[in-house]
Amino acid sequence: MNRRCVFGLCAIALVTIPALPTRSVAEGKSLKDQLVGTWIYVSSTGKREDGSAVPRPSAQGAVTYTADGCFHFITVRTEVPKYASGDPARPSPEEAMAVASGVVAYTGTYTLDESTKTAHLNIETSSVPNFVGAPNQRRIVTSITDEELKLTNPRTPEGVTLELVFKRAK
C-alpha cells in the first residue's frame, strides 16, 4: 500500500471510531458515576402487595444525585390549579390543599450500595414532614443507561411499591 492509502485509512478510522456506540465504556463506570446528574421524571406505576395497580397522577419533576452524596427530588401534579387571587401568599383553602397534596419534594444525603444497586436516603427536608428522618428510605436502581434511569421505591408509607422512570437531563 502506498502512503496516501495508509494515511486515508487512518483518517477514516479516526473519524469513525468516535461515532461507534460507547456502551462498553458506560458499562465500566461505577453505579455512582452513572447515577450522578439530573434526571427528568417520565412516569411512575404503583402496585399494592396483592399486585393490584394504583392509579398515578400525571406529574412533572426531577431527581438529582451529586458526586458528594447529596440528592434532591421533586414531583408536582400537572393539574394543580393556579391561585385565583394571583398571590401565592393567599391561596384559598381548596387551592392550598390541592398544592399541598400535589407536591412531593425532599432533599438530603444518600449512600450507595453498589452490590445491591440501592441508594439509602437520609431525608433532611421534605414537603411531607413524615419523610424527614424516616428509617429505611431506599431506592433500588433497576435499570440505568446513559439516557434512562429506572428506580423502585420498594414501599411507600401507603404500602405501595413504585416503579419510577426518568430520562437524563440534557
N, C-alpha and C. Protein backbone atom coordinates (compact mmCIF):
# COMPACT_ATOMS: atom_id res chain seq x y z
N MET A 1 0.84 -1.18 0.00
CA MET A 1 0.00 0.00 0.00
C MET A 1 0.87 1.24 0.00
N ASN A 2 0.41 2.23 -0.72
CA ASN A 2 1.20 3.45 -0.70
C ASN A 2 0.83 4.30 0.51
N ARG A 3 1.61 5.34 0.74
CA ARG A 3 1.43 6.17 1.93
C ARG A 3 0.08 6.88 1.94
N ARG A 4 -0.38 7.31 0.79
CA ARG A 4 -1.68 8.00 0.74
C ARG A 4 -2.81 7.08 1.18
N CYS A 5 -2.75 5.84 0.76
CA CYS A 5 -3.79 4.88 1.11
C CYS A 5 -3.78 4.62 2.62
N VAL A 6 -2.59 4.42 3.19
CA VAL A 6 -2.47 4.19 4.63
C VAL A 6 -2.96 5.42 5.39
N PHE A 7 -2.56 6.59 4.94
CA PHE A 7 -2.98 7.83 5.58
C PHE A 7 -4.50 7.97 5.52
N GLY A 8 -5.08 7.65 4.38
CA GLY A 8 -6.54 7.73 4.22
C GLY A 8 -7.27 6.77 5.13
N LEU A 9 -6.77 5.54 5.26
CA LEU A 9 -7.39 4.56 6.16
C LEU A 9 -7.31 5.03 7.61
N CYS A 10 -6.18 5.59 8.00
CA CYS A 10 -6.03 6.11 9.36
C CYS A 10 -7.01 7.26 9.61
N ALA A 11 -7.16 8.13 8.64
CA ALA A 11 -8.09 9.26 8.78
C ALA A 11 -9.52 8.76 8.93
N ILE A 12 -9.90 7.76 8.13
CA ILE A 12 -11.25 7.19 8.23
C ILE A 12 -11.46 6.57 9.60
N ALA A 13 -10.47 5.86 10.11
CA ALA A 13 -10.58 5.24 11.43
C ALA A 13 -10.74 6.30 12.52
N LEU A 14 -9.98 7.38 12.43
CA LEU A 14 -10.07 8.43 13.44
C LEU A 14 -11.44 9.11 13.44
N VAL A 15 -12.06 9.20 12.29
CA VAL A 15 -13.37 9.81 12.19
C VAL A 15 -14.47 8.83 12.61
N THR A 16 -14.32 7.57 12.29
CA THR A 16 -15.35 6.57 12.53
C THR A 16 -15.40 6.09 13.97
N ILE A 17 -14.27 5.86 14.60
CA ILE A 17 -14.24 5.27 15.94
C ILE A 17 -15.03 6.08 16.95
N PRO A 18 -14.92 7.42 17.02
CA PRO A 18 -15.73 8.16 17.99
C PRO A 18 -17.23 8.04 17.74
N ALA A 19 -17.64 7.70 16.54
CA ALA A 19 -19.07 7.60 16.23
C ALA A 19 -19.66 6.26 16.65
N LEU A 20 -18.82 5.29 16.98
CA LEU A 20 -19.32 3.98 17.38
C LEU A 20 -19.95 4.05 18.77
N PRO A 21 -20.92 3.20 19.08
CA PRO A 21 -21.55 3.20 20.40
C PRO A 21 -20.51 3.01 21.49
N THR A 22 -20.74 3.69 22.62
CA THR A 22 -19.80 3.63 23.73
C THR A 22 -20.37 2.83 24.90
N ARG A 23 -21.22 1.89 24.62
CA ARG A 23 -21.85 1.08 25.68
C ARG A 23 -20.81 0.43 26.58
N SER A 24 -19.74 -0.12 26.02
CA SER A 24 -18.74 -0.81 26.83
C SER A 24 -18.05 0.17 27.78
N VAL A 25 -17.89 1.42 27.38
CA VAL A 25 -17.32 2.42 28.26
C VAL A 25 -18.26 2.69 29.42
N ALA A 26 -19.57 2.85 29.14
CA ALA A 26 -20.55 3.10 30.19
C ALA A 26 -20.63 1.92 31.15
N GLU A 27 -20.52 0.71 30.62
CA GLU A 27 -20.61 -0.47 31.47
C GLU A 27 -19.44 -0.52 32.45
N GLY A 28 -18.32 0.08 32.13
CA GLY A 28 -17.17 0.09 33.00
C GLY A 28 -17.27 1.10 34.12
N LYS A 29 -18.21 2.03 34.06
CA LYS A 29 -18.39 3.03 35.10
C LYS A 29 -19.03 2.42 36.33
N SER A 30 -18.71 3.00 37.48
CA SER A 30 -19.38 2.57 38.71
C SER A 30 -20.83 3.03 38.66
N LEU A 31 -21.66 2.41 39.46
CA LEU A 31 -23.07 2.80 39.52
C LEU A 31 -23.19 4.26 39.94
N LYS A 32 -22.38 4.68 40.89
CA LYS A 32 -22.44 6.07 41.34
C LYS A 32 -22.09 7.03 40.21
N ASP A 33 -21.06 6.70 39.43
CA ASP A 33 -20.69 7.56 38.30
C ASP A 33 -21.83 7.66 37.28
N GLN A 34 -22.55 6.57 37.08
CA GLN A 34 -23.68 6.58 36.16
C GLN A 34 -24.87 7.35 36.72
N LEU A 35 -25.06 7.27 38.04
CA LEU A 35 -26.23 7.88 38.68
C LEU A 35 -26.11 9.39 38.82
N VAL A 36 -24.90 9.88 39.05
CA VAL A 36 -24.70 11.31 39.30
C VAL A 36 -25.22 12.14 38.13
N GLY A 37 -26.01 13.14 38.45
CA GLY A 37 -26.57 14.04 37.45
C GLY A 37 -28.03 14.30 37.75
N THR A 38 -28.68 14.99 36.84
CA THR A 38 -30.10 15.31 36.97
C THR A 38 -30.90 14.47 36.01
N TRP A 39 -31.98 13.91 36.52
CA TRP A 39 -32.86 13.03 35.76
C TRP A 39 -34.27 13.61 35.79
N ILE A 40 -34.91 13.69 34.64
CA ILE A 40 -36.25 14.27 34.50
C ILE A 40 -37.30 13.15 34.60
N TYR A 41 -38.30 13.40 35.43
CA TYR A 41 -39.37 12.44 35.65
C TYR A 41 -40.12 12.17 34.35
N VAL A 42 -40.34 10.89 34.04
CA VAL A 42 -41.10 10.49 32.86
C VAL A 42 -42.44 9.89 33.27
N SER A 43 -42.39 8.90 34.19
CA SER A 43 -43.62 8.22 34.59
C SER A 43 -43.39 7.41 35.85
N SER A 44 -44.51 6.96 36.42
CA SER A 44 -44.43 6.03 37.54
C SER A 44 -45.64 5.11 37.52
N THR A 45 -45.44 3.93 38.04
CA THR A 45 -46.54 2.98 38.23
C THR A 45 -46.49 2.52 39.67
N GLY A 46 -47.65 2.20 40.21
CA GLY A 46 -47.72 1.75 41.59
C GLY A 46 -48.48 0.45 41.70
N LYS A 47 -48.02 -0.39 42.64
CA LYS A 47 -48.70 -1.66 42.88
C LYS A 47 -48.82 -1.91 44.38
N ARG A 48 -49.97 -2.45 44.77
CA ARG A 48 -50.17 -2.88 46.15
C ARG A 48 -49.53 -4.25 46.34
N GLU A 49 -49.46 -4.69 47.58
CA GLU A 49 -48.88 -6.02 47.87
C GLU A 49 -49.60 -7.13 47.14
N ASP A 50 -50.90 -6.98 46.92
CA ASP A 50 -51.67 -8.03 46.23
C ASP A 50 -51.49 -7.97 44.71
N GLY A 51 -50.67 -7.03 44.23
CA GLY A 51 -50.39 -6.91 42.80
C GLY A 51 -51.33 -5.99 42.05
N SER A 52 -52.36 -5.48 42.73
CA SER A 52 -53.30 -4.58 42.05
C SER A 52 -52.65 -3.23 41.80
N ALA A 53 -53.01 -2.63 40.68
CA ALA A 53 -52.44 -1.34 40.27
C ALA A 53 -53.02 -0.20 41.08
N VAL A 54 -52.19 0.80 41.31
CA VAL A 54 -52.61 2.02 41.99
C VAL A 54 -52.51 3.14 40.96
N PRO A 55 -53.62 3.84 40.69
CA PRO A 55 -53.56 4.93 39.72
C PRO A 55 -52.54 5.99 40.14
N ARG A 56 -51.77 6.48 39.20
CA ARG A 56 -50.77 7.51 39.47
C ARG A 56 -51.16 8.79 38.75
N PRO A 57 -51.02 9.92 39.41
CA PRO A 57 -51.37 11.18 38.76
C PRO A 57 -50.35 11.58 37.71
N SER A 58 -50.80 12.40 36.78
CA SER A 58 -49.89 13.00 35.81
C SER A 58 -49.01 13.99 36.56
N ALA A 59 -47.71 13.91 36.35
CA ALA A 59 -46.79 14.76 37.11
C ALA A 59 -45.58 15.15 36.28
N GLN A 60 -44.88 16.15 36.78
CA GLN A 60 -43.60 16.58 36.25
C GLN A 60 -42.63 16.64 37.41
N GLY A 61 -41.35 16.49 37.14
CA GLY A 61 -40.40 16.59 38.23
C GLY A 61 -39.00 16.19 37.82
N ALA A 62 -38.16 15.99 38.83
CA ALA A 62 -36.77 15.63 38.58
C ALA A 62 -36.15 15.08 39.86
N VAL A 63 -35.06 14.37 39.68
CA VAL A 63 -34.22 13.93 40.79
C VAL A 63 -32.79 14.22 40.39
N THR A 64 -32.00 14.69 41.35
CA THR A 64 -30.59 14.97 41.13
C THR A 64 -29.77 14.23 42.18
N TYR A 65 -28.73 13.57 41.73
CA TYR A 65 -27.76 12.94 42.63
C TYR A 65 -26.42 13.61 42.38
N THR A 66 -25.76 14.07 43.44
CA THR A 66 -24.46 14.72 43.29
C THR A 66 -23.34 13.77 43.67
N ALA A 67 -22.15 14.05 43.19
CA ALA A 67 -20.99 13.19 43.45
C ALA A 67 -20.61 13.19 44.93
N ASP A 68 -20.96 14.27 45.65
CA ASP A 68 -20.60 14.33 47.08
C ASP A 68 -21.68 13.76 47.99
N GLY A 69 -22.67 13.05 47.43
CA GLY A 69 -23.63 12.32 48.25
C GLY A 69 -24.89 13.08 48.63
N CYS A 70 -25.23 14.13 47.92
CA CYS A 70 -26.48 14.85 48.17
C CYS A 70 -27.49 14.49 47.08
N PHE A 71 -28.77 14.64 47.40
CA PHE A 71 -29.80 14.41 46.38
C PHE A 71 -30.95 15.37 46.62
N HIS A 72 -31.73 15.59 45.56
CA HIS A 72 -32.94 16.43 45.60
C HIS A 72 -33.97 15.75 44.71
N PHE A 73 -35.20 15.68 45.18
CA PHE A 73 -36.28 15.05 44.43
C PHE A 73 -37.51 15.94 44.50
N ILE A 74 -38.21 16.10 43.38
CA ILE A 74 -39.48 16.84 43.38
C ILE A 74 -40.37 16.30 42.28
N THR A 75 -41.66 16.14 42.61
CA THR A 75 -42.68 15.92 41.59
C THR A 75 -43.86 16.82 41.94
N VAL A 76 -44.49 17.33 40.90
CA VAL A 76 -45.65 18.20 41.04
C VAL A 76 -46.72 17.70 40.08
N ARG A 77 -47.91 17.51 40.58
CA ARG A 77 -49.01 17.10 39.71
C ARG A 77 -49.24 18.18 38.66
N THR A 78 -49.51 17.75 37.45
CA THR A 78 -49.68 18.72 36.37
C THR A 78 -51.02 19.44 36.46
N GLU A 79 -51.99 18.90 37.19
CA GLU A 79 -53.30 19.54 37.25
C GLU A 79 -53.50 20.42 38.50
N VAL A 80 -52.41 20.82 39.16
CA VAL A 80 -52.53 21.72 40.31
C VAL A 80 -53.06 23.07 39.82
N PRO A 81 -54.14 23.57 40.46
CA PRO A 81 -54.75 24.81 39.97
C PRO A 81 -53.91 26.05 40.27
N LYS A 82 -54.08 27.05 39.44
CA LYS A 82 -53.46 28.36 39.70
C LYS A 82 -54.28 29.05 40.79
N TYR A 83 -53.61 29.92 41.55
CA TYR A 83 -54.32 30.68 42.59
C TYR A 83 -55.20 31.74 41.94
N ALA A 84 -56.46 31.75 42.27
CA ALA A 84 -57.40 32.72 41.70
C ALA A 84 -56.98 34.15 42.03
N SER A 85 -56.42 34.36 43.24
CA SER A 85 -56.01 35.70 43.66
C SER A 85 -54.73 36.15 42.95
N GLY A 86 -53.97 35.19 42.42
CA GLY A 86 -52.68 35.52 41.83
C GLY A 86 -51.59 35.75 42.86
N ASP A 87 -51.93 35.69 44.15
CA ASP A 87 -50.98 35.93 45.23
C ASP A 87 -50.62 34.60 45.89
N PRO A 88 -49.37 34.12 45.73
CA PRO A 88 -49.00 32.83 46.31
C PRO A 88 -49.06 32.80 47.83
N ALA A 89 -49.12 33.96 48.48
CA ALA A 89 -49.24 34.01 49.94
C ALA A 89 -50.69 33.94 50.41
N ARG A 90 -51.64 33.95 49.46
CA ARG A 90 -53.06 33.96 49.84
C ARG A 90 -53.91 32.99 49.01
N PRO A 91 -53.57 31.71 49.04
CA PRO A 91 -54.44 30.77 48.32
C PRO A 91 -55.72 30.53 49.12
N SER A 92 -56.74 30.12 48.42
CA SER A 92 -57.95 29.70 49.12
C SER A 92 -57.63 28.38 49.83
N PRO A 93 -58.43 27.98 50.83
CA PRO A 93 -58.18 26.68 51.48
C PRO A 93 -58.16 25.51 50.49
N GLU A 94 -59.03 25.55 49.49
CA GLU A 94 -59.07 24.48 48.49
C GLU A 94 -57.81 24.47 47.62
N GLU A 95 -57.36 25.68 47.24
CA GLU A 95 -56.14 25.79 46.44
C GLU A 95 -54.93 25.32 47.24
N ALA A 96 -54.86 25.71 48.51
CA ALA A 96 -53.75 25.30 49.37
C ALA A 96 -53.73 23.78 49.53
N MET A 97 -54.88 23.17 49.70
CA MET A 97 -54.96 21.71 49.83
C MET A 97 -54.53 21.03 48.54
N ALA A 98 -54.95 21.55 47.40
CA ALA A 98 -54.56 20.95 46.11
C ALA A 98 -53.05 21.01 45.93
N VAL A 99 -52.44 22.13 46.28
CA VAL A 99 -50.99 22.26 46.14
C VAL A 99 -50.29 21.33 47.14
N ALA A 100 -50.73 21.33 48.38
CA ALA A 100 -50.08 20.50 49.41
C ALA A 100 -50.16 19.02 49.06
N SER A 101 -51.26 18.59 48.48
CA SER A 101 -51.39 17.17 48.14
C SER A 101 -50.82 16.85 46.76
N GLY A 102 -50.44 17.88 46.01
CA GLY A 102 -49.94 17.66 44.65
C GLY A 102 -48.45 17.81 44.49
N VAL A 103 -47.74 18.10 45.58
CA VAL A 103 -46.30 18.30 45.51
C VAL A 103 -45.60 17.34 46.48
N VAL A 104 -44.61 16.64 45.99
CA VAL A 104 -43.75 15.85 46.85
C VAL A 104 -42.32 16.29 46.55
N ALA A 105 -41.67 16.82 47.56
CA ALA A 105 -40.29 17.28 47.39
C ALA A 105 -39.51 16.90 48.64
N TYR A 106 -38.30 16.41 48.43
CA TYR A 106 -37.44 16.14 49.57
C TYR A 106 -35.98 16.20 49.13
N THR A 107 -35.13 16.41 50.12
CA THR A 107 -33.70 16.54 49.86
C THR A 107 -32.92 16.02 51.05
N GLY A 108 -31.69 15.66 50.82
CA GLY A 108 -30.85 15.16 51.90
C GLY A 108 -29.57 14.56 51.34
N THR A 109 -29.12 13.51 52.00
CA THR A 109 -27.90 12.83 51.58
C THR A 109 -28.23 11.37 51.26
N TYR A 110 -27.32 10.76 50.51
CA TYR A 110 -27.51 9.35 50.17
C TYR A 110 -26.18 8.63 50.22
N THR A 111 -26.26 7.32 50.48
CA THR A 111 -25.13 6.44 50.30
C THR A 111 -25.58 5.39 49.30
N LEU A 112 -24.63 4.83 48.59
CA LEU A 112 -24.97 3.88 47.53
C LEU A 112 -24.30 2.55 47.81
N ASP A 113 -25.09 1.50 47.83
CA ASP A 113 -24.58 0.13 47.95
C ASP A 113 -24.51 -0.42 46.53
N GLU A 114 -23.31 -0.42 45.96
CA GLU A 114 -23.13 -0.84 44.57
C GLU A 114 -23.54 -2.31 44.37
N SER A 115 -23.32 -3.17 45.38
CA SER A 115 -23.59 -4.59 45.22
C SER A 115 -25.08 -4.88 45.10
N THR A 116 -25.93 -4.10 45.79
CA THR A 116 -27.38 -4.31 45.71
C THR A 116 -28.06 -3.26 44.85
N LYS A 117 -27.27 -2.33 44.30
CA LYS A 117 -27.79 -1.24 43.47
C LYS A 117 -28.86 -0.44 44.22
N THR A 118 -28.57 -0.16 45.49
CA THR A 118 -29.54 0.51 46.34
C THR A 118 -28.99 1.82 46.87
N ALA A 119 -29.77 2.89 46.69
CA ALA A 119 -29.45 4.18 47.30
C ALA A 119 -30.20 4.25 48.62
N HIS A 120 -29.46 4.48 49.71
CA HIS A 120 -30.06 4.63 51.04
C HIS A 120 -30.14 6.14 51.30
N LEU A 121 -31.36 6.63 51.48
CA LEU A 121 -31.60 8.06 51.59
C LEU A 121 -31.74 8.49 53.04
N ASN A 122 -31.12 9.61 53.35
CA ASN A 122 -31.32 10.29 54.63
C ASN A 122 -32.03 11.59 54.29
N ILE A 123 -33.35 11.59 54.45
CA ILE A 123 -34.16 12.76 54.07
C ILE A 123 -34.08 13.78 55.21
N GLU A 124 -33.58 14.97 54.86
CA GLU A 124 -33.37 16.02 55.85
C GLU A 124 -34.44 17.10 55.81
N THR A 125 -35.04 17.32 54.64
CA THR A 125 -36.10 18.31 54.47
C THR A 125 -37.09 17.74 53.48
N SER A 126 -38.39 17.96 53.76
CA SER A 126 -39.40 17.41 52.86
C SER A 126 -40.70 18.19 52.94
N SER A 127 -41.42 18.18 51.82
CA SER A 127 -42.77 18.75 51.81
C SER A 127 -43.73 17.82 52.57
N VAL A 128 -43.31 16.60 52.82
CA VAL A 128 -44.08 15.64 53.62
C VAL A 128 -43.29 15.44 54.92
N PRO A 129 -43.69 16.10 56.01
CA PRO A 129 -42.90 16.07 57.24
C PRO A 129 -42.58 14.66 57.75
N ASN A 130 -43.45 13.70 57.51
CA ASN A 130 -43.22 12.34 57.99
C ASN A 130 -42.03 11.66 57.32
N PHE A 131 -41.57 12.17 56.17
CA PHE A 131 -40.42 11.58 55.48
C PHE A 131 -39.10 11.92 56.17
N VAL A 132 -39.07 13.06 56.89
CA VAL A 132 -37.83 13.53 57.49
C VAL A 132 -37.38 12.55 58.57
N GLY A 133 -36.19 12.01 58.39
CA GLY A 133 -35.62 11.08 59.35
C GLY A 133 -36.26 9.70 59.38
N ALA A 134 -37.20 9.44 58.46
CA ALA A 134 -37.86 8.12 58.44
C ALA A 134 -36.83 7.05 58.11
N PRO A 135 -36.86 5.93 58.82
CA PRO A 135 -35.88 4.87 58.56
C PRO A 135 -36.14 4.12 57.26
N ASN A 136 -35.09 3.49 56.78
CA ASN A 136 -35.18 2.55 55.65
C ASN A 136 -35.74 3.17 54.37
N GLN A 137 -35.35 4.39 54.08
CA GLN A 137 -35.71 5.01 52.80
C GLN A 137 -34.73 4.52 51.75
N ARG A 138 -35.22 3.72 50.81
CA ARG A 138 -34.36 3.12 49.80
C ARG A 138 -34.92 3.37 48.42
N ARG A 139 -34.03 3.46 47.46
CA ARG A 139 -34.39 3.49 46.05
C ARG A 139 -33.48 2.49 45.36
N ILE A 140 -34.07 1.50 44.73
CA ILE A 140 -33.30 0.46 44.07
C ILE A 140 -33.19 0.80 42.58
N VAL A 141 -31.97 0.82 42.08
CA VAL A 141 -31.74 1.08 40.66
C VAL A 141 -32.01 -0.23 39.92
N THR A 142 -33.13 -0.28 39.22
CA THR A 142 -33.47 -1.50 38.49
C THR A 142 -32.88 -1.51 37.09
N SER A 143 -32.59 -0.31 36.56
CA SER A 143 -32.01 -0.20 35.23
C SER A 143 -31.41 1.19 35.07
N ILE A 144 -30.24 1.25 34.44
CA ILE A 144 -29.64 2.56 34.17
C ILE A 144 -28.83 2.47 32.88
N THR A 145 -29.04 3.46 32.01
CA THR A 145 -28.23 3.64 30.81
C THR A 145 -27.80 5.10 30.80
N ASP A 146 -27.10 5.50 29.77
CA ASP A 146 -26.71 6.91 29.66
C ASP A 146 -27.93 7.82 29.57
N GLU A 147 -29.05 7.29 29.08
CA GLU A 147 -30.24 8.12 28.82
C GLU A 147 -31.42 7.87 29.75
N GLU A 148 -31.47 6.70 30.42
CA GLU A 148 -32.67 6.35 31.19
C GLU A 148 -32.30 5.73 32.53
N LEU A 149 -33.08 6.11 33.55
CA LEU A 149 -32.93 5.59 34.91
C LEU A 149 -34.27 5.04 35.36
N LYS A 150 -34.27 3.80 35.85
CA LYS A 150 -35.48 3.21 36.43
C LYS A 150 -35.17 2.88 37.88
N LEU A 151 -36.03 3.39 38.77
CA LEU A 151 -35.88 3.18 40.20
C LEU A 151 -37.11 2.47 40.75
N THR A 152 -36.91 1.71 41.82
CA THR A 152 -38.02 1.15 42.57
C THR A 152 -37.97 1.72 43.97
N ASN A 153 -39.10 2.26 44.41
CA ASN A 153 -39.29 2.63 45.80
C ASN A 153 -40.06 1.45 46.39
N PRO A 154 -39.38 0.56 47.15
CA PRO A 154 -40.00 -0.71 47.50
C PRO A 154 -41.20 -0.64 48.43
N ARG A 155 -41.37 0.45 49.14
CA ARG A 155 -42.56 0.51 50.00
C ARG A 155 -42.78 1.95 50.46
N THR A 156 -43.84 2.55 49.95
CA THR A 156 -44.21 3.89 50.37
C THR A 156 -44.95 3.80 51.70
N PRO A 157 -45.20 4.92 52.37
CA PRO A 157 -45.97 4.86 53.62
C PRO A 157 -47.36 4.22 53.44
N GLU A 158 -47.89 4.26 52.23
CA GLU A 158 -49.21 3.67 51.96
C GLU A 158 -49.11 2.18 51.64
N GLY A 159 -47.90 1.62 51.68
CA GLY A 159 -47.72 0.20 51.37
C GLY A 159 -47.70 -0.10 49.89
N VAL A 160 -47.37 0.88 49.08
CA VAL A 160 -47.34 0.72 47.63
C VAL A 160 -45.89 0.65 47.16
N THR A 161 -45.63 -0.19 46.18
CA THR A 161 -44.32 -0.23 45.54
C THR A 161 -44.40 0.62 44.28
N LEU A 162 -43.49 1.58 44.17
CA LEU A 162 -43.48 2.47 43.00
C LEU A 162 -42.33 2.12 42.07
N GLU A 163 -42.62 2.12 40.79
CA GLU A 163 -41.60 2.00 39.75
C GLU A 163 -41.55 3.35 39.05
N LEU A 164 -40.39 4.01 39.09
CA LEU A 164 -40.23 5.34 38.53
C LEU A 164 -39.28 5.30 37.35
N VAL A 165 -39.61 6.08 36.33
CA VAL A 165 -38.78 6.17 35.13
C VAL A 165 -38.37 7.63 34.93
N PHE A 166 -37.08 7.83 34.66
CA PHE A 166 -36.53 9.17 34.43
C PHE A 166 -35.68 9.13 33.16
N LYS A 167 -35.53 10.30 32.53
CA LYS A 167 -34.58 10.44 31.42
C LYS A 167 -33.54 11.46 31.86
N ARG A 168 -32.32 11.29 31.38
CA ARG A 168 -31.26 12.20 31.78
C ARG A 168 -31.52 13.59 31.22
N ALA A 169 -31.32 14.59 32.05
CA ALA A 169 -31.49 15.98 31.62
C ALA A 169 -30.38 16.31 30.64
N LYS A 170 -30.71 17.09 29.64
CA LYS A 170 -29.73 17.49 28.62
C LYS A 170 -29.03 18.74 29.05
